N, C-alpha and C. Protein backbone atom coordinates (compact mmCIF):
# COMPACT_ATOMS: atom_id res chain seq x y z
N UNK A 1 5.74 1.60 -3.69
CA UNK A 1 4.68 2.24 -4.84
C UNK A 1 3.90 2.63 -4.43
N UNK A 2 4.01 4.00 -5.93
CA UNK A 2 3.11 5.04 -5.91
C UNK A 2 1.85 5.63 -5.28
N UNK A 3 1.57 6.28 -4.80
CA UNK A 3 -0.05 6.69 -4.78
C UNK A 3 -0.53 6.81 -5.33
N UNK A 4 -2.04 7.20 -5.22
CA UNK A 4 -2.84 7.01 -5.94
C UNK A 4 -4.11 6.07 -5.46
N UNK A 5 -4.19 5.78 -6.66
CA UNK A 5 -4.41 4.85 -7.50
C UNK A 5 -3.85 5.92 -9.14
N UNK A 6 -4.47 7.15 -8.80
CA UNK A 6 -4.35 8.23 -9.72
C UNK A 6 -3.45 8.98 -10.09
N UNK A 7 -1.84 8.05 -10.40
CA UNK A 7 -0.64 8.28 -10.65
C UNK A 7 -0.11 7.78 -11.72
N UNK A 8 1.51 8.16 -11.91
CA UNK A 8 2.24 6.78 -12.41
C UNK A 8 3.54 7.19 -11.41
N UNK A 9 4.32 5.81 -11.58
CA UNK A 9 5.82 6.39 -11.74
C UNK A 9 6.27 5.94 -12.96
N UNK A 10 7.57 7.00 -12.53
CA UNK A 10 7.71 7.33 -14.09
C UNK A 10 9.96 7.46 -13.82
N UNK A 11 10.36 8.16 -15.15
CA UNK A 11 11.64 7.88 -14.68
C UNK A 11 11.95 9.74 -14.06
N UNK A 12 13.08 9.42 -12.85
CA UNK A 12 13.59 11.05 -12.34
C UNK A 12 13.96 10.16 -11.04
N UNK A 13 14.31 11.58 -10.38
CA UNK A 13 14.57 11.02 -8.58
C UNK A 13 13.41 10.47 -7.87
N UNK A 14 12.94 8.88 -6.93
CA UNK A 14 12.02 8.82 -6.17
C UNK A 14 13.27 8.23 -4.76
N UNK A 15 13.26 9.33 -3.82
CA UNK A 15 14.22 9.11 -2.80
C UNK A 15 13.62 7.82 -2.07
N UNK A 16 12.48 7.13 -1.95
CA UNK A 16 12.19 5.36 -1.46
C UNK A 16 12.94 4.64 -2.17
N UNK A 17 12.68 4.55 -3.52
CA UNK A 17 13.51 3.75 -4.50
C UNK A 17 15.14 4.25 -4.16
N UNK A 18 15.56 4.98 -4.48
CA UNK A 18 16.94 5.13 -4.32
C UNK A 18 17.33 4.85 -2.99
N UNK A 19 16.57 5.34 -1.62
CA UNK A 19 17.20 4.77 -0.70
C UNK A 19 17.66 3.64 -0.33
N UNK A 20 16.41 2.88 -0.90
CA UNK A 20 16.26 0.93 -0.57
C UNK A 20 17.59 0.53 -1.90
N UNK A 21 17.94 1.33 -2.90
CA UNK A 21 18.60 0.94 -3.93
C UNK A 21 20.08 0.87 -3.51
N UNK A 22 20.38 1.80 -1.90
CA UNK A 22 21.56 2.29 -1.40
C UNK A 22 22.20 1.59 -0.57
N UNK A 23 21.07 0.40 -0.09
CA UNK A 23 20.94 -0.95 1.13
C UNK A 23 20.66 -1.66 0.15
N UNK A 24 20.83 -2.08 -0.69
CA UNK A 24 21.27 -3.00 -2.26
C UNK A 24 19.99 -4.03 -2.30
N UNK A 25 19.03 -3.29 -2.00
CA UNK A 25 17.55 -4.17 -2.26
C UNK A 25 17.29 -3.25 -3.70
N UNK A 26 16.83 -4.04 -4.70
CA UNK A 26 16.62 -4.16 -6.74
C UNK A 26 14.82 -4.16 -6.04
N UNK A 27 14.48 -2.68 -6.81
CA UNK A 27 13.10 -2.24 -6.62
C UNK A 27 12.55 -2.47 -8.02
N UNK A 28 11.26 -3.16 -8.16
CA UNK A 28 10.10 -3.12 -8.99
C UNK A 28 9.05 -1.91 -8.45
N UNK A 29 9.42 -0.67 -9.49
CA UNK A 29 7.88 -0.51 -9.03
C UNK A 29 6.82 -0.68 -10.43
N UNK A 30 5.47 -0.45 -9.94
CA UNK A 30 4.35 -1.08 -10.85
C UNK A 30 3.43 -0.28 -11.42
N UNK A 31 3.38 0.35 -12.30
CA UNK A 31 2.23 0.82 -13.54
C UNK A 31 1.03 0.06 -13.53
N UNK A 32 0.36 -0.29 -12.60
CA UNK A 32 -0.68 -1.05 -12.57
C UNK A 32 -1.98 -0.50 -13.42
N UNK A 33 -2.63 -1.50 -14.47
CA UNK A 33 -4.08 -0.59 -14.76
C UNK A 33 -4.45 -0.06 -14.16
N UNK A 34 -4.82 1.05 -14.80
CA UNK A 34 -5.79 2.07 -14.01
C UNK A 34 -4.81 3.27 -13.48
N UNK A 35 -3.04 3.06 -14.02
CA UNK A 35 -2.15 4.44 -13.70
C UNK A 35 -2.96 5.38 -14.68
N UNK A 36 -2.19 5.97 -14.47
CA UNK A 36 -2.42 7.66 -15.04
C UNK A 36 -1.05 7.76 -15.83
N UNK A 37 -1.07 8.64 -17.30
CA UNK A 37 0.06 8.75 -17.78
C UNK A 37 0.20 8.06 -19.82
N UNK A 38 -0.61 6.84 -19.62
CA UNK A 38 -0.37 6.18 -20.68
C UNK A 38 -1.76 5.87 -21.07
N UNK A 39 -2.73 7.18 -21.18
CA UNK A 39 -4.09 7.18 -21.69
C UNK A 39 -5.54 6.80 -21.71
N UNK A 40 -6.23 7.26 -21.62
CA UNK A 40 -7.90 6.91 -21.33
C UNK A 40 -8.09 5.26 -21.13
N UNK A 41 -7.70 4.88 -22.20
CA UNK A 41 -7.62 3.19 -21.88
C UNK A 41 -7.51 2.59 -21.25
N UNK A 42 -5.74 2.52 -20.74
CA UNK A 42 -5.16 2.33 -20.30
C UNK A 42 -5.75 2.66 -18.38
N UNK A 43 -6.15 3.87 -18.82
CA UNK A 43 -6.76 4.01 -16.59
C UNK A 43 -8.29 3.50 -17.13
N UNK A 44 -8.86 3.61 -17.89
CA UNK A 44 -9.95 2.92 -17.79
C UNK A 44 -10.32 1.19 -16.98
N UNK A 45 -8.81 0.57 -17.44
CA UNK A 45 -8.63 -0.93 -17.33
C UNK A 45 -8.59 -0.74 -15.64
N UNK A 46 -8.48 -0.12 -14.94
CA UNK A 46 -8.61 0.32 -13.62
C UNK A 46 -10.04 -0.14 -12.96
N UNK A 47 -11.25 0.82 -13.89
CA UNK A 47 -11.75 0.06 -13.50
C UNK A 47 -13.27 -1.10 -12.99
N UNK A 48 -13.61 -0.74 -11.85
CA UNK A 48 -14.26 -2.51 -10.95
C UNK A 48 -13.07 -3.02 -10.65
N UNK A 49 -11.13 -2.91 -10.55
CA UNK A 49 -10.31 -3.32 -10.07
C UNK A 49 -9.50 -2.79 -8.65
N UNK A 50 -9.98 -1.73 -8.12
CA UNK A 50 -9.00 -1.63 -7.15
C UNK A 50 -9.04 -3.02 -6.33
N UNK A 51 -9.78 -3.74 -5.62
CA UNK A 51 -9.24 -4.46 -5.21
C UNK A 51 -8.99 -5.97 -5.92
N UNK A 52 -8.90 -5.98 -7.73
CA UNK A 52 -8.73 -6.92 -7.72
C UNK A 52 -7.88 -7.18 -9.28
N UNK A 53 -7.67 -7.11 -10.43
CA UNK A 53 -6.58 -6.94 -11.09
C UNK A 53 -6.33 -6.48 -10.82
N UNK A 54 -6.10 -4.64 -10.40
CA UNK A 54 -4.79 -4.02 -10.28
C UNK A 54 -3.53 -4.86 -9.24
N UNK A 55 -3.73 -5.63 -8.12
CA UNK A 55 -3.24 -6.19 -7.37
C UNK A 55 -2.52 -7.91 -8.19
N UNK A 56 -3.02 -7.65 -8.98
CA UNK A 56 -2.65 -9.22 -9.70
C UNK A 56 -1.56 -8.60 -10.28
N UNK A 57 -1.71 -7.00 -11.12
CA UNK A 57 -0.39 -6.94 -12.05
C UNK A 57 0.68 -6.43 -11.32
N UNK A 58 0.69 -6.57 -9.66
CA UNK A 58 1.87 -6.64 -8.86
C UNK A 58 2.02 -7.35 -8.60
N UNK A 59 1.68 -7.99 -8.10
CA UNK A 59 1.59 -9.52 -7.82
C UNK A 59 2.20 -10.53 -9.11
N UNK A 60 1.73 -10.29 -10.24
CA UNK A 60 2.42 -10.88 -11.21
C UNK A 60 3.73 -10.02 -11.46
N UNK A 61 4.28 -8.23 -11.06
CA UNK A 61 5.11 -8.35 -10.75
C UNK A 61 6.27 -8.91 -10.23
N UNK A 62 5.92 -9.39 -9.03
CA UNK A 62 6.75 -9.36 -8.18
C UNK A 62 7.33 -11.22 -8.60
N UNK A 63 5.89 -12.11 -9.57
CA UNK A 63 6.98 -13.54 -9.62
C UNK A 63 7.39 -13.38 -11.26
N UNK A 64 7.36 -12.21 -11.92
CA UNK A 64 8.75 -11.96 -12.88
C UNK A 64 9.96 -11.67 -11.98
N UNK A 65 9.99 -11.05 -11.33
CA UNK A 65 10.97 -10.66 -10.81
C UNK A 65 11.69 -11.67 -10.34
N UNK A 66 10.98 -13.04 -9.45
CA UNK A 66 11.30 -13.85 -9.26
C UNK A 66 11.83 -14.81 -10.51
N UNK A 67 11.03 -14.96 -11.92
CA UNK A 67 11.37 -16.02 -12.84
C UNK A 67 12.74 -15.51 -13.20
N UNK A 68 12.88 -14.27 -12.91
CA UNK A 68 14.06 -13.16 -14.04
C UNK A 68 15.62 -13.57 -13.18
N UNK A 69 15.68 -13.96 -12.42
CA UNK A 69 16.58 -14.10 -11.07
C UNK A 69 17.04 -13.22 -10.82
N UNK A 70 16.07 -11.26 -10.85
CA UNK A 70 16.03 -10.42 -9.99
C UNK A 70 16.16 -10.50 -8.36
N UNK A 71 14.96 -11.73 -8.06
CA UNK A 71 14.69 -11.46 -6.64
C UNK A 71 14.72 -12.99 -6.28
N UNK A 72 15.21 -13.09 -4.53
CA UNK A 72 14.98 -14.40 -3.99
C UNK A 72 13.46 -14.56 -3.66
N UNK A 73 13.18 -15.54 -3.95
CA UNK A 73 11.44 -15.54 -3.34
C UNK A 73 11.40 -15.97 -1.91
N UNK A 74 12.43 -15.99 -1.15
CA UNK A 74 12.32 -16.07 0.11
C UNK A 74 12.96 -14.41 1.06
N UNK A 75 12.75 -13.76 0.48
CA UNK A 75 13.17 -12.40 0.59
C UNK A 75 13.03 -11.02 -0.19
N UNK A 76 11.45 -11.48 -0.38
CA UNK A 76 10.42 -10.49 -1.14
C UNK A 76 9.59 -9.24 0.24
N UNK A 77 9.73 -7.98 -0.02
CA UNK A 77 8.51 -7.44 0.90
C UNK A 77 7.73 -6.40 -0.51
N UNK A 78 7.14 -6.57 0.34
CA UNK A 78 6.32 -4.99 -0.64
C UNK A 78 5.74 -4.21 0.24
N UNK A 79 6.16 -2.83 -0.45
CA UNK A 79 6.11 -1.31 0.27
C UNK A 79 5.26 -0.67 -0.71
N UNK A 80 4.76 0.09 0.16
CA UNK A 80 3.99 1.67 -0.66
C UNK A 80 3.16 1.86 -0.20
N UNK A 81 2.15 3.41 -0.38
CA UNK A 81 1.84 4.17 0.25
C UNK A 81 0.69 4.43 -0.14
N UNK A 82 -0.53 5.07 0.74
CA UNK A 82 -1.91 5.04 0.37
C UNK A 82 -2.41 4.49 -0.49
N UNK A 83 -2.77 4.73 -1.87
CA UNK A 83 -3.28 3.03 -2.04
C UNK A 83 -2.02 1.75 -2.41
N UNK A 84 -0.71 2.37 -2.64
CA UNK A 84 0.43 1.47 -2.14
C UNK A 84 0.43 0.70 -1.19
N UNK A 85 0.18 2.05 -0.36
CA UNK A 85 -0.14 1.17 0.82
C UNK A 85 -1.25 0.16 1.60
N UNK A 86 -1.88 -0.06 0.61
CA UNK A 86 -3.48 -0.38 0.96
C UNK A 86 -2.80 -1.55 -0.15
N UNK A 87 -2.45 -1.61 -1.37
CA UNK A 87 -2.09 -3.14 -2.18
C UNK A 87 -1.02 -3.44 -1.00
N UNK A 88 0.27 -3.10 -0.50
CA UNK A 88 0.78 -3.94 0.25
C UNK A 88 0.45 -4.68 1.44
N UNK A 89 -0.98 -4.29 2.22
CA UNK A 89 -1.26 -5.40 2.52
C UNK A 89 -2.70 -6.28 2.49
N UNK A 90 -3.19 -5.97 0.81
CA UNK A 90 -4.52 -6.54 0.84
C UNK A 90 -4.01 -7.57 -0.46
N UNK A 91 -2.34 -7.32 -0.57
CA UNK A 91 -1.55 -9.02 -1.41
C UNK A 91 -1.53 -9.33 -0.90
N UNK A 92 -1.19 -9.40 0.90
CA UNK A 92 -0.89 -10.15 1.50
C UNK A 92 -2.09 -11.17 1.45
N UNK A 93 -3.17 -10.98 1.54
CA UNK A 93 -4.54 -11.64 1.69
C UNK A 93 -4.58 -12.30 0.06
N UNK A 94 -4.40 -11.48 -0.59
CA UNK A 94 -5.10 -12.11 -2.21
C UNK A 94 -4.60 -13.54 -2.60
N UNK A 95 -2.65 -12.96 -2.40
CA UNK A 95 -1.67 -14.50 -2.60
C UNK A 95 -0.77 -14.11 -1.29
N UNK A 96 -1.21 -15.18 -0.62
CA UNK A 96 -0.67 -15.83 0.43
C UNK A 96 0.80 -16.60 -0.27
N UNK A 97 1.56 -15.82 0.56
CA UNK A 97 3.50 -16.30 0.82
C UNK A 97 3.68 -16.08 0.27
N UNK A 98 3.73 -15.26 -1.30
CA UNK A 98 4.58 -14.34 -1.88
C UNK A 98 5.21 -13.23 -1.43
N UNK A 99 4.86 -12.57 -0.21
CA UNK A 99 5.65 -11.46 0.13
C UNK A 99 6.14 -12.10 1.42
N UNK A 100 7.31 -11.63 2.24
CA UNK A 100 7.78 -11.89 3.40
C UNK A 100 7.46 -11.03 4.38
N UNK A 101 7.21 -10.07 3.86
CA UNK A 101 6.62 -8.82 4.95
C UNK A 101 6.03 -7.67 3.81
N UNK A 102 5.89 -6.84 4.90
CA UNK A 102 4.54 -5.79 4.40
C UNK A 102 5.61 -4.12 5.22
N UNK A 103 5.57 -3.30 4.20
CA UNK A 103 5.56 -1.83 4.79
C UNK A 103 4.24 -0.90 4.17
N UNK A 104 3.57 -0.04 5.03
CA UNK A 104 2.27 0.69 4.64
C UNK A 104 2.57 2.32 5.31
N UNK A 105 2.30 3.33 4.11
CA UNK A 105 2.43 4.40 5.06
C UNK A 105 0.98 4.70 4.34
N UNK A 106 0.59 5.31 5.71
CA UNK A 106 -1.05 5.93 5.21
C UNK A 106 -1.92 5.10 4.58
N UNK A 107 -2.09 3.14 4.99
CA UNK A 107 -2.86 2.89 3.42
C UNK A 107 -4.11 3.49 4.09
N UNK A 108 -5.02 2.75 3.42
CA UNK A 108 -6.18 2.42 3.04
C UNK A 108 -6.87 0.93 3.59
N UNK A 109 -7.05 0.98 4.85
CA UNK A 109 -7.25 -0.41 5.70
C UNK A 109 -9.15 -0.57 5.48
N UNK A 110 -9.78 0.59 5.37
CA UNK A 110 -11.32 0.15 5.45
C UNK A 110 -11.88 0.54 4.44
N UNK A 111 -12.42 0.43 3.40
CA UNK A 111 -12.88 1.09 2.23
C UNK A 111 -13.71 1.51 3.00
N UNK A 112 -14.96 0.77 3.99
CA UNK A 112 -16.00 2.01 4.20
C UNK A 112 -15.87 2.73 4.85
N UNK A 113 -15.30 2.93 5.44
CA UNK A 113 -14.30 4.39 6.75
C UNK A 113 -13.72 5.35 5.06
N UNK A 114 -13.15 4.94 4.27
CA UNK A 114 -12.58 5.75 3.16
C UNK A 114 -13.98 6.61 2.81
N UNK A 115 -14.50 5.51 2.02
CA UNK A 115 -15.67 6.18 1.89
C UNK A 115 -16.41 7.48 2.68
N UNK A 116 -16.74 6.93 4.08
CA UNK A 116 -17.29 8.04 5.18
C UNK A 116 -16.19 9.19 4.95
N UNK A 117 -14.61 8.90 4.44
CA UNK A 117 -14.53 10.24 4.76
C UNK A 117 -14.46 11.39 3.43
N UNK A 118 -14.35 10.20 2.15
CA UNK A 118 -14.93 10.89 0.84
C UNK A 118 -15.63 12.16 0.93
N UNK A 119 -16.62 11.61 1.70
CA UNK A 119 -18.28 12.41 1.71
C UNK A 119 -17.66 13.83 1.97
N UNK A 120 -16.22 13.74 2.57
CA UNK A 120 -15.87 15.51 3.09
C UNK A 120 -15.65 16.19 2.36
N UNK A 121 -15.01 15.61 0.89
CA UNK A 121 -14.40 16.59 -0.02
C UNK A 121 -15.58 16.61 -1.61
N UNK A 122 -15.61 17.66 -1.88
CA UNK A 122 -16.63 17.37 -2.62
C UNK A 122 -15.72 16.69 -4.16
N UNK A 123 -16.51 15.92 -4.89
CA UNK A 123 -16.20 14.74 -5.83
C UNK A 123 -15.03 14.07 -5.70
N UNK A 124 -14.53 13.86 -4.27
CA UNK A 124 -14.02 12.31 -4.40
C UNK A 124 -14.50 11.30 -4.69
N UNK A 125 -15.72 11.02 -3.96
CA UNK A 125 -16.13 9.71 -3.88
C UNK A 125 -16.17 8.95 -5.40
N UNK A 126 -16.79 10.72 -6.09
CA UNK A 126 -17.11 10.00 -7.24
C UNK A 126 -15.92 9.86 -8.08
N UNK A 127 -14.52 10.61 -7.87
CA UNK A 127 -13.09 9.68 -8.22
C UNK A 127 -12.84 8.39 -7.89
N UNK A 128 -13.57 7.71 -6.79
CA UNK A 128 -13.20 6.96 -6.45
C UNK A 128 -14.23 5.95 -6.56
N UNK A 129 -14.83 5.79 -7.45
CA UNK A 129 -16.11 4.87 -7.38
C UNK A 129 -15.88 3.80 -9.31
N UNK A 130 -15.82 4.97 -9.84
CA UNK A 130 -14.96 3.61 -10.73
C UNK A 130 -14.49 2.64 -10.93
N UNK A 131 -13.55 2.76 -9.77
CA UNK A 131 -12.13 1.98 -9.69
C UNK A 131 -13.07 0.76 -8.57
N UNK A 132 -13.74 1.28 -7.93
CA UNK A 132 -14.29 0.11 -6.83
C UNK A 132 -15.41 0.02 -6.69
N UNK A 133 -16.50 0.38 -7.85
CA UNK A 133 -18.01 0.14 -7.76
C UNK A 133 -17.42 -1.91 -8.77
N UNK A 134 -18.17 -2.50 -7.85
CA UNK A 134 -17.52 -4.15 -8.42
C UNK A 134 -19.43 -5.02 -7.39
N UNK A 135 -20.64 -4.93 -8.57
CA UNK A 135 -21.40 -5.69 -7.99
C UNK A 135 -21.09 -7.26 -7.52
N UNK A 136 -19.95 -7.86 -7.67
CA UNK A 136 -19.67 -9.09 -7.36
C UNK A 136 -19.33 -9.86 -6.13
N UNK A 137 -18.45 -7.90 -5.58
CA UNK A 137 -18.53 -8.53 -3.87
C UNK A 137 -18.39 -7.42 -3.19
N UNK A 138 -18.76 -7.05 -1.66
CA UNK A 138 -19.26 -6.02 -0.74
C UNK A 138 -17.45 -5.06 -0.97
N UNK A 139 -17.56 -4.07 -0.33
CA UNK A 139 -16.38 -3.20 0.63
C UNK A 139 -15.75 -3.92 1.39
N UNK A 140 -15.82 -4.79 2.31
CA UNK A 140 -15.19 -5.78 3.31
C UNK A 140 -14.68 -6.72 2.68
N UNK A 141 -15.27 -7.32 1.30
CA UNK A 141 -14.30 -8.32 0.45
C UNK A 141 -13.15 -7.76 0.55
N UNK A 142 -12.84 -6.08 0.07
CA UNK A 142 -11.71 -5.70 -0.59
C UNK A 142 -11.11 -4.79 0.78
N UNK A 143 -11.25 -5.36 1.59
CA UNK A 143 -10.77 -4.69 2.93
C UNK A 143 -9.91 -5.18 4.25
N UNK A 144 -8.53 -5.08 4.02
CA UNK A 144 -7.52 -5.27 4.99
C UNK A 144 -8.00 -5.60 6.48
N UNK A 145 -8.64 -4.38 6.50
CA UNK A 145 -9.01 -4.81 8.21
C UNK A 145 -10.01 -6.01 8.04
N UNK A 146 -10.85 -6.29 7.51
CA UNK A 146 -11.86 -7.62 7.40
C UNK A 146 -11.49 -9.18 6.92
N UNK A 147 -9.78 -9.22 6.73
CA UNK A 147 -9.50 -10.59 6.91
C UNK A 147 -7.51 -10.29 7.31
N UNK A 148 -8.05 -9.44 8.73
CA UNK A 148 -6.81 -9.90 8.92
C UNK A 148 -6.27 -11.06 9.96
N UNK A 149 -7.43 -12.24 10.18
CA UNK A 149 -6.75 -13.21 10.14
C UNK A 149 -6.00 -14.37 9.25
N UNK A 150 -6.13 -13.74 7.76
CA UNK A 150 -5.43 -14.37 6.76
C UNK A 150 -3.95 -13.49 6.76
N UNK A 151 -3.71 -13.01 7.55
CA UNK A 151 -1.87 -12.01 7.67
C UNK A 151 -1.09 -12.26 8.38
N UNK A 152 -0.02 -13.46 7.61
CA UNK A 152 1.03 -14.16 8.37
C UNK A 152 2.02 -13.36 8.35
N UNK A 153 2.87 -12.61 8.20
CA UNK A 153 3.86 -11.66 7.89
C UNK A 153 4.23 -10.55 8.65
N UNK A 154 5.55 -10.18 8.58
CA UNK A 154 5.55 -8.83 9.92
C UNK A 154 5.00 -7.94 9.51
N UNK A 155 4.41 -7.00 9.74
CA UNK A 155 3.54 -5.56 9.14
C UNK A 155 4.56 -4.52 9.52
N UNK A 156 4.79 -3.28 8.58
CA UNK A 156 5.50 -2.04 8.98
C UNK A 156 4.75 -1.15 8.87
N UNK A 157 3.41 -0.19 10.03
CA UNK A 157 2.50 0.56 9.65
C UNK A 157 3.46 1.89 10.26
N UNK A 158 3.03 3.03 9.04
CA UNK A 158 3.30 3.75 9.40
C UNK A 158 2.49 5.34 9.03
N UNK A 159 1.40 5.98 10.16
CA UNK A 159 0.86 7.04 9.71
C UNK A 159 0.39 8.15 10.54
N UNK A 160 0.24 8.98 9.94
CA UNK A 160 0.63 10.75 10.82
C UNK A 160 -0.84 10.93 11.35
N UNK A 161 -0.66 12.09 11.85
CA UNK A 161 -1.38 12.17 12.62
C UNK A 161 -3.18 13.18 11.84
N UNK A 162 -2.20 14.55 10.81
CA UNK A 162 -2.53 14.70 10.20
C UNK A 162 -3.12 15.18 8.88
N UNK A 163 -3.48 13.69 8.72
CA UNK A 163 -3.56 13.17 7.63
C UNK A 163 -5.06 13.53 6.62
N UNK A 164 -4.75 14.22 5.77
CA UNK A 164 -6.60 14.40 5.31
C UNK A 164 -6.92 13.32 4.22
N UNK A 165 -6.10 12.76 3.50
CA UNK A 165 -6.44 12.35 2.58
C UNK A 165 -7.03 10.91 2.90
N UNK A 166 -6.23 9.99 4.01
CA UNK A 166 -6.15 8.45 4.47
C UNK A 166 -6.26 8.95 6.22
N UNK A 167 -7.02 9.71 6.28
CA UNK A 167 -7.24 9.59 8.34
C UNK A 167 -6.55 8.57 8.91
N UNK A 168 -6.06 8.97 10.15
CA UNK A 168 -4.95 8.38 10.71
C UNK A 168 -5.63 6.95 11.17
N UNK A 169 -7.04 7.28 11.71
CA UNK A 169 -7.96 6.52 12.29
C UNK A 169 -7.73 5.11 11.80
N UNK A 170 -7.62 5.29 9.98
CA UNK A 170 -7.70 3.92 9.01
C UNK A 170 -6.19 2.91 9.77
N UNK A 171 -5.41 3.63 9.95
CA UNK A 171 -4.01 2.77 11.01
C UNK A 171 -3.59 2.42 11.88
N UNK A 172 -4.59 3.31 12.49
CA UNK A 172 -4.86 2.89 14.26
C UNK A 172 -5.68 2.17 14.45
N UNK A 173 -6.89 2.01 14.05
CA UNK A 173 -7.92 0.53 14.47
C UNK A 173 -7.31 -0.24 13.61
N UNK A 174 -6.37 -0.12 12.35
CA UNK A 174 -6.33 -1.65 11.89
C UNK A 174 -4.89 -2.40 12.46
N UNK A 175 -4.12 -1.52 13.19
CA UNK A 175 -3.01 -1.72 14.17
C UNK A 175 -3.45 -2.58 15.42
N UNK A 176 -5.01 -1.79 16.08
CA UNK A 176 -4.90 -1.66 16.94
C UNK A 176 -5.81 -3.62 17.21
N UNK A 177 -6.43 -3.90 15.91
CA UNK A 177 -7.12 -4.78 15.64
C UNK A 177 -6.07 -6.17 15.58
N UNK A 178 -5.00 -5.77 14.47
CA UNK A 178 -3.61 -7.01 14.67
C UNK A 178 -3.56 -6.96 15.93
N UNK A 179 -2.62 -5.71 16.52
CA UNK A 179 -2.11 -6.30 17.76
C UNK A 179 -2.88 -7.69 18.68
N UNK A 180 -5.09 -7.16 18.43
CA UNK A 180 -5.78 -7.50 19.13
C UNK A 180 -5.27 -9.48 19.04
N UNK A 181 -5.36 -9.55 17.67
CA UNK A 181 -5.39 -11.62 16.85
C UNK A 181 -3.61 -11.49 17.32
N UNK A 182 -2.77 -10.83 17.87
CA UNK A 182 -1.59 -11.76 18.16
C UNK A 182 -0.64 -11.38 16.43
N UNK A 183 -0.73 -10.49 15.51
CA UNK A 183 -0.37 -10.77 14.88
C UNK A 183 0.99 -9.69 15.12
N UNK A 184 1.94 -9.69 14.17
CA UNK A 184 3.58 -9.41 14.09
C UNK A 184 2.99 -8.04 13.20
N UNK A 185 2.89 -6.94 14.33
CA UNK A 185 2.71 -5.44 13.57
C UNK A 185 3.52 -4.48 14.43
N UNK A 186 3.91 -3.20 13.86
CA UNK A 186 4.80 -2.28 14.34
C UNK A 186 4.21 -1.23 13.60
N UNK A 187 3.84 -0.24 14.99
CA UNK A 187 2.86 0.62 14.14
C UNK A 187 3.74 2.11 14.98
N UNK A 188 3.51 2.83 13.57
CA UNK A 188 4.92 4.42 13.77
C UNK A 188 3.24 5.25 13.65
N UNK A 189 3.32 6.11 14.73
CA UNK A 189 2.50 7.42 14.74
C UNK A 189 3.23 8.46 14.49
N UNK A 190 3.17 9.58 13.71
CA UNK A 190 3.97 9.85 13.03
C UNK A 190 2.90 11.46 13.57
N UNK A 191 3.90 11.67 14.41
CA UNK A 191 2.95 13.02 15.14
C UNK A 191 2.89 14.45 14.43
N UNK A 192 1.69 14.74 14.29
CA UNK A 192 1.37 16.15 12.95
C UNK A 192 1.98 15.80 11.76
N UNK A 193 1.86 14.61 11.11
CA UNK A 193 2.28 13.65 9.61
C UNK A 193 1.37 14.10 9.51
N UNK A 194 1.35 14.85 8.37
CA UNK A 194 0.50 15.01 6.61
C UNK A 194 0.64 13.60 6.05
N UNK A 195 -0.31 13.89 4.97
CA UNK A 195 -0.02 12.23 3.98
C UNK A 195 1.08 11.95 3.04
N UNK A 196 1.99 13.17 3.27
CA UNK A 196 2.99 13.29 1.79
C UNK A 196 4.56 12.97 2.70
N UNK A 197 4.79 12.47 4.23
CA UNK A 197 5.83 12.72 4.05
C UNK A 197 6.58 13.81 4.27
N UNK A 198 5.73 15.17 4.48
CA UNK A 198 6.21 16.83 3.75
C UNK A 198 7.46 17.38 4.66
N UNK A 199 6.91 16.56 6.20
CA UNK A 199 8.04 17.29 6.74
C UNK A 199 9.50 16.18 7.25
N UNK A 200 10.52 17.41 6.93
CA UNK A 200 12.18 16.30 6.23
C UNK A 200 12.18 15.17 7.81
N UNK A 201 11.59 15.32 9.11
CA UNK A 201 11.29 14.43 10.54
C UNK A 201 11.05 13.20 10.28
N UNK A 202 9.91 13.89 9.45
CA UNK A 202 9.03 12.51 8.92
C UNK A 202 9.40 11.42 8.25
N UNK A 203 10.20 11.97 6.87
CA UNK A 203 10.97 11.55 6.17
C UNK A 203 11.70 10.35 6.66
N UNK A 204 12.78 10.72 7.35
CA UNK A 204 13.78 10.49 7.88
C UNK A 204 13.27 9.34 8.92
N UNK A 205 12.42 9.50 9.59
CA UNK A 205 12.00 8.90 10.65
C UNK A 205 11.46 7.59 9.74
N UNK A 206 10.58 7.51 8.80
CA UNK A 206 9.58 6.37 7.79
C UNK A 206 10.85 5.73 7.23
N UNK A 207 12.05 6.33 6.67
CA UNK A 207 13.06 5.37 5.86
C UNK A 207 14.01 4.75 7.21
N UNK A 208 14.29 5.29 7.94
CA UNK A 208 15.20 5.02 9.43
C UNK A 208 14.32 3.66 9.97
N UNK A 209 13.12 3.53 10.13
CA UNK A 209 12.39 2.47 10.39
C UNK A 209 12.15 1.45 9.01
N UNK A 210 11.60 1.67 7.70
CA UNK A 210 11.71 0.82 7.31
C UNK A 210 13.23 0.42 7.04
N UNK A 211 14.15 1.12 7.32
CA UNK A 211 15.68 0.34 7.15
C UNK A 211 15.42 -0.91 8.16
N UNK A 212 15.14 -0.74 9.78
CA UNK A 212 15.32 -1.98 10.55
C UNK A 212 14.48 -2.26 10.53
N UNK A 213 12.71 -2.56 9.86
CA UNK A 213 11.94 -3.89 9.60
C UNK A 213 12.82 -4.45 8.42
N UNK A 214 13.44 -3.70 7.65
CA UNK A 214 13.91 -4.92 6.41
C UNK A 214 14.66 -5.39 6.75
N UNK A 215 15.75 -4.97 7.35
CA UNK A 215 16.84 -5.92 8.18
C UNK A 215 16.48 -6.86 8.67
N UNK A 216 15.57 -6.64 9.92
CA UNK A 216 14.88 -7.37 10.25
C UNK A 216 14.88 -9.10 9.74
N UNK A 217 13.67 -8.14 8.76
CA UNK A 217 12.81 -9.45 8.22
C UNK A 217 12.97 -10.00 7.00
N UNK A 218 14.07 -9.38 6.32
CA UNK A 218 14.36 -10.70 5.19
C UNK A 218 16.00 -11.07 5.19
């Protein structure tokens, strides 16, 4: 899934999707509510839904793949980066049993930590707020870090040490807590890696680790 959520998946070359397709996997890329490129009304549907209906849209897509016969319900993995990485973790909590494993690149794991980091960048916190603000719940309610007990499938988490969008400590502290609770996690640190896998060696490393992980767990 795309980074964002202020983004969209569109027609064109996507090396993640193409790599997975060459390995025989069917890939569904969801433009859940709140995605850009479909007009202001569609983007506004994401307000207050960061940890809510945006994730429901993703899960609905997985159910559609199963219903249409494109996916084996026993062999579905969720993969994403940034907000997509967050979704790859939080959907495990929102709908246990739907996915058999998860791959998260540079994921937001703690909403409180995200907000602390957002203060360093002018306007960034304000950009996130409409998506996240929800009087019915707290930041902890929609943070994977606070619900690790509910994660019961293998997780591959990859994070770069020089990530300026989602700090490396988000991945590190999540992996540490997963290991403390004896959960199944493989944590890969990309030394000098940024948020976008800009370096060729990091892209190759990520794809290699993901291929091994999927082969083992699907």
